[in-house]
Protein backbone atom coordinates (compact mmCIF):
# COMPACT_ATOMS: atom_id res chain seq x y z
CA MET A 1 194.35 54.07 108.49
CA PRO A 2 192.70 51.72 111.55
CA TYR A 3 189.42 51.77 112.96
CA THR A 4 188.41 50.21 115.86
CA ILE A 5 185.18 49.20 116.68
CA LYS A 6 184.27 52.51 118.26
CA ASP A 7 186.28 54.49 116.15
CA MET A 8 183.70 52.34 113.02
CA SER A 9 180.86 53.40 114.79
CA GLU A 10 180.79 56.89 115.14
CA LEU A 11 181.82 56.98 111.95
CA THR A 12 178.48 54.94 110.94
CA GLY A 13 176.10 55.87 112.76
CA LEU A 14 175.62 51.98 113.77
CA PRO A 15 175.59 50.83 116.65
CA ALA A 16 179.01 48.47 118.23
CA SER A 17 176.83 45.95 118.39
CA THR A 18 175.33 46.07 114.98
CA LEU A 19 178.60 45.77 113.95
CA ARG A 20 179.60 42.86 115.62
CA TYR A 21 176.30 41.09 114.24
CA TYR A 22 177.08 41.67 110.57
CA ASP A 23 180.39 40.49 111.53
CA LYS A 24 179.25 37.13 112.60
CA GLN A 25 176.88 36.82 109.72
CA GLY A 26 179.32 37.24 107.28
CA LEU A 27 178.41 40.85 105.82
CA LEU A 28 181.92 41.40 106.42
CA PRO A 29 183.83 38.34 104.46
CA ASN A 30 186.98 40.56 104.48
CA LEU A 31 187.21 42.46 107.92
CA ARG A 32 190.45 41.87 109.45
CA ARG A 33 191.35 40.88 113.37
CA ASP A 34 194.42 41.76 114.82
CA HIS A 35 196.79 39.83 117.08
CA ASN A 36 194.75 40.72 120.22
CA ASN A 37 191.26 38.65 118.00
CA THR A 38 190.38 42.31 118.14
CA ARG A 39 188.12 44.07 114.71
CA VAL A 40 190.32 46.36 113.54
CA PHE A 41 187.98 48.19 110.18
CA THR A 42 189.35 49.90 107.39
CA GLU A 43 188.06 52.75 104.84
CA ASP A 44 187.39 50.12 102.57
CA ASP A 45 184.94 48.20 105.28
CA TYR A 46 183.12 51.94 105.78
CA THR A 47 182.14 51.85 102.17
CA GLN A 48 181.06 47.84 102.76
CA LEU A 49 179.05 49.03 105.32
CA ARG A 50 177.71 52.28 104.04
CA ILE A 51 176.69 50.31 100.95
CA ILE A 52 174.60 47.34 103.91
CA ASP A 53 173.21 50.02 105.36
CA CYS A 54 171.88 51.74 102.15
CA LEU A 55 170.83 47.86 101.76
CA LYS A 56 168.63 47.44 105.29
CA ARG A 57 167.42 50.65 105.34
CA SER A 58 165.74 49.51 101.32
CA GLY A 59 163.89 46.45 103.17
CA LEU A 60 166.43 44.29 101.75
CA SER A 61 166.53 40.93 104.34
CA ILE A 62 169.65 40.37 106.17
CA ARG A 63 169.59 36.59 104.46
CA ASP A 64 169.15 39.35 100.92
CA ILE A 65 172.22 41.41 101.97
CA ARG A 66 174.70 37.82 102.58
CA SER A 67 173.26 36.71 98.99
CA PHE A 68 174.66 40.53 97.37
CA ILE A 69 177.87 40.26 99.76
CA ASP A 70 178.62 37.17 97.46
CA MET A 71 177.97 37.70 94.47
CA THR A 72 180.34 41.14 94.99
CA ASN A 73 183.04 38.70 95.76
CA ARG A 74 182.04 37.01 92.92
CA GLY A 75 183.56 39.81 90.85
CA ASP A 76 182.23 40.68 87.52
CA GLU A 77 180.63 37.55 86.22
CA ALA A 78 177.64 38.78 89.52
CA LEU A 79 177.77 42.94 87.42
CA THR A 80 174.19 42.17 85.76
CA GLU A 81 172.19 39.91 88.93
CA LYS A 82 173.78 43.25 91.49
CA LEU A 83 172.37 45.45 89.36
CA ALA A 84 169.51 43.51 89.85
CA ILE A 85 169.14 44.04 93.18
CA PHE A 86 169.73 47.93 93.15
CA THR A 87 167.16 48.30 90.20
CA ASN A 88 163.87 46.46 92.31
CA ARG A 89 165.20 48.65 95.16
CA ARG A 90 165.08 51.69 93.56
CA GLU A 91 160.93 50.68 91.88
CA MET A 92 160.56 49.70 95.76
CA LEU A 93 160.87 52.46 96.64
CA LYS A 94 159.66 54.91 94.54
CA GLN A 95 156.33 52.60 94.46
CA GLU A 96 156.95 53.85 98.35
CA LEU A 97 157.86 57.24 98.49
CA SER A 98 154.61 57.73 95.90
CA ASP A 99 152.51 56.14 97.98
CA LEU A 100 153.61 58.67 101.35
CA GLN A 101 153.30 61.32 98.99
CA GLU A 102 149.60 60.57 98.35
CA ILE A 103 149.64 60.46 102.27
CA LEU A 104 151.56 63.33 103.05
CA ASP A 105 148.75 65.77 100.39
CA MET A 106 145.93 64.05 102.48
CA ILE A 107 147.65 64.81 105.42
CA GLU A 108 148.40 68.78 103.49
CA TYR A 109 145.01 68.64 102.32
CA LYS A 110 143.25 67.61 106.22
CA CYS A 111 145.82 70.21 107.83
CA TRP A 112 144.45 73.70 105.43
CA TYR A 113 140.92 71.72 105.55
CA TYR A 114 140.90 71.46 109.92
CA THR A 115 142.39 75.50 110.07
CA LYS A 116 140.08 76.71 107.75
CA ALA A 117 137.28 75.10 110.22
CA CYS A 118 139.16 76.93 113.29
CA GLU A 119 138.87 80.32 111.54
CA ALA A 120 135.45 79.88 110.21
CA GLY A 121 134.49 78.65 113.91
CA SER A 122 133.28 75.67 112.31
CA GLU A 123 133.54 72.57 110.12
CA GLU A 124 130.26 72.93 108.32
CA LYS A 125 131.38 75.95 106.27
CA VAL A 126 134.95 74.16 104.49
CA LYS A 127 132.42 71.34 104.53
CA GLY A 128 130.29 72.95 102.26
CA LEU A 129 133.13 74.84 99.48
CA SER A 130 133.27 73.61 95.84
CA LEU A 131 136.04 71.68 94.74
CA SER A 132 137.06 74.74 93.25
CA GLU A 133 136.96 77.39 96.30
CA ILE A 134 139.47 74.94 97.24
CA PRO A 135 143.60 75.24 97.05
CA ALA A 136 143.90 73.78 93.78
CA GLU A 137 147.45 71.89 95.85
CA PHE A 138 144.74 70.03 97.77
CA ARG A 139 142.22 69.82 95.19
CA LYS A 140 143.04 66.17 94.01
CA ALA A 141 143.01 64.49 97.89
CA ARG A 142 140.16 66.02 98.45
CA GLU A 143 138.16 64.19 95.82
CA HIS A 144 140.57 60.87 96.23
CA LEU A 145 139.05 61.52 100.35
CA HIS A 146 134.87 61.87 98.56
CA LYS A 147 135.48 59.33 95.62
CA PHE A 148 131.80 57.65 96.73
CA THR A 149 130.29 60.07 98.23
CA SER A 150 128.98 63.81 97.99
CA PRO A 151 131.58 66.83 97.85
CA ALA A 152 131.19 67.20 101.35
């Protein structure tokens, strides 16, 4: 079934301007045009756009995505190269998730810390808690925060 650029924009959540840009950048090499030179999208284009969006959101540049598209057009001879791209992205995203989890853990600890300080009416009462008095889920963040200082 053919889709207009408006249809595809609604299906993918990508603005029509982005779809046009991707086409101009050569990321949609199989995109057809009708007799009026209007872009006509297919289910295959939708799949391609989902992969492009995934790669873009994972941090790949347009140039690198174009390279991936070229590999895809080369077929099975580029399988190991395509696998390497996704393996690399996976490892980078795992590291980013780990980094974000560490940040979230610290934020959670500080939310707990200031909630307790508000309840006690003073930050000093919370500062004086020993590590064993802090809930287990916040101890790592507390230790990380106070690595080089006294446990306050």
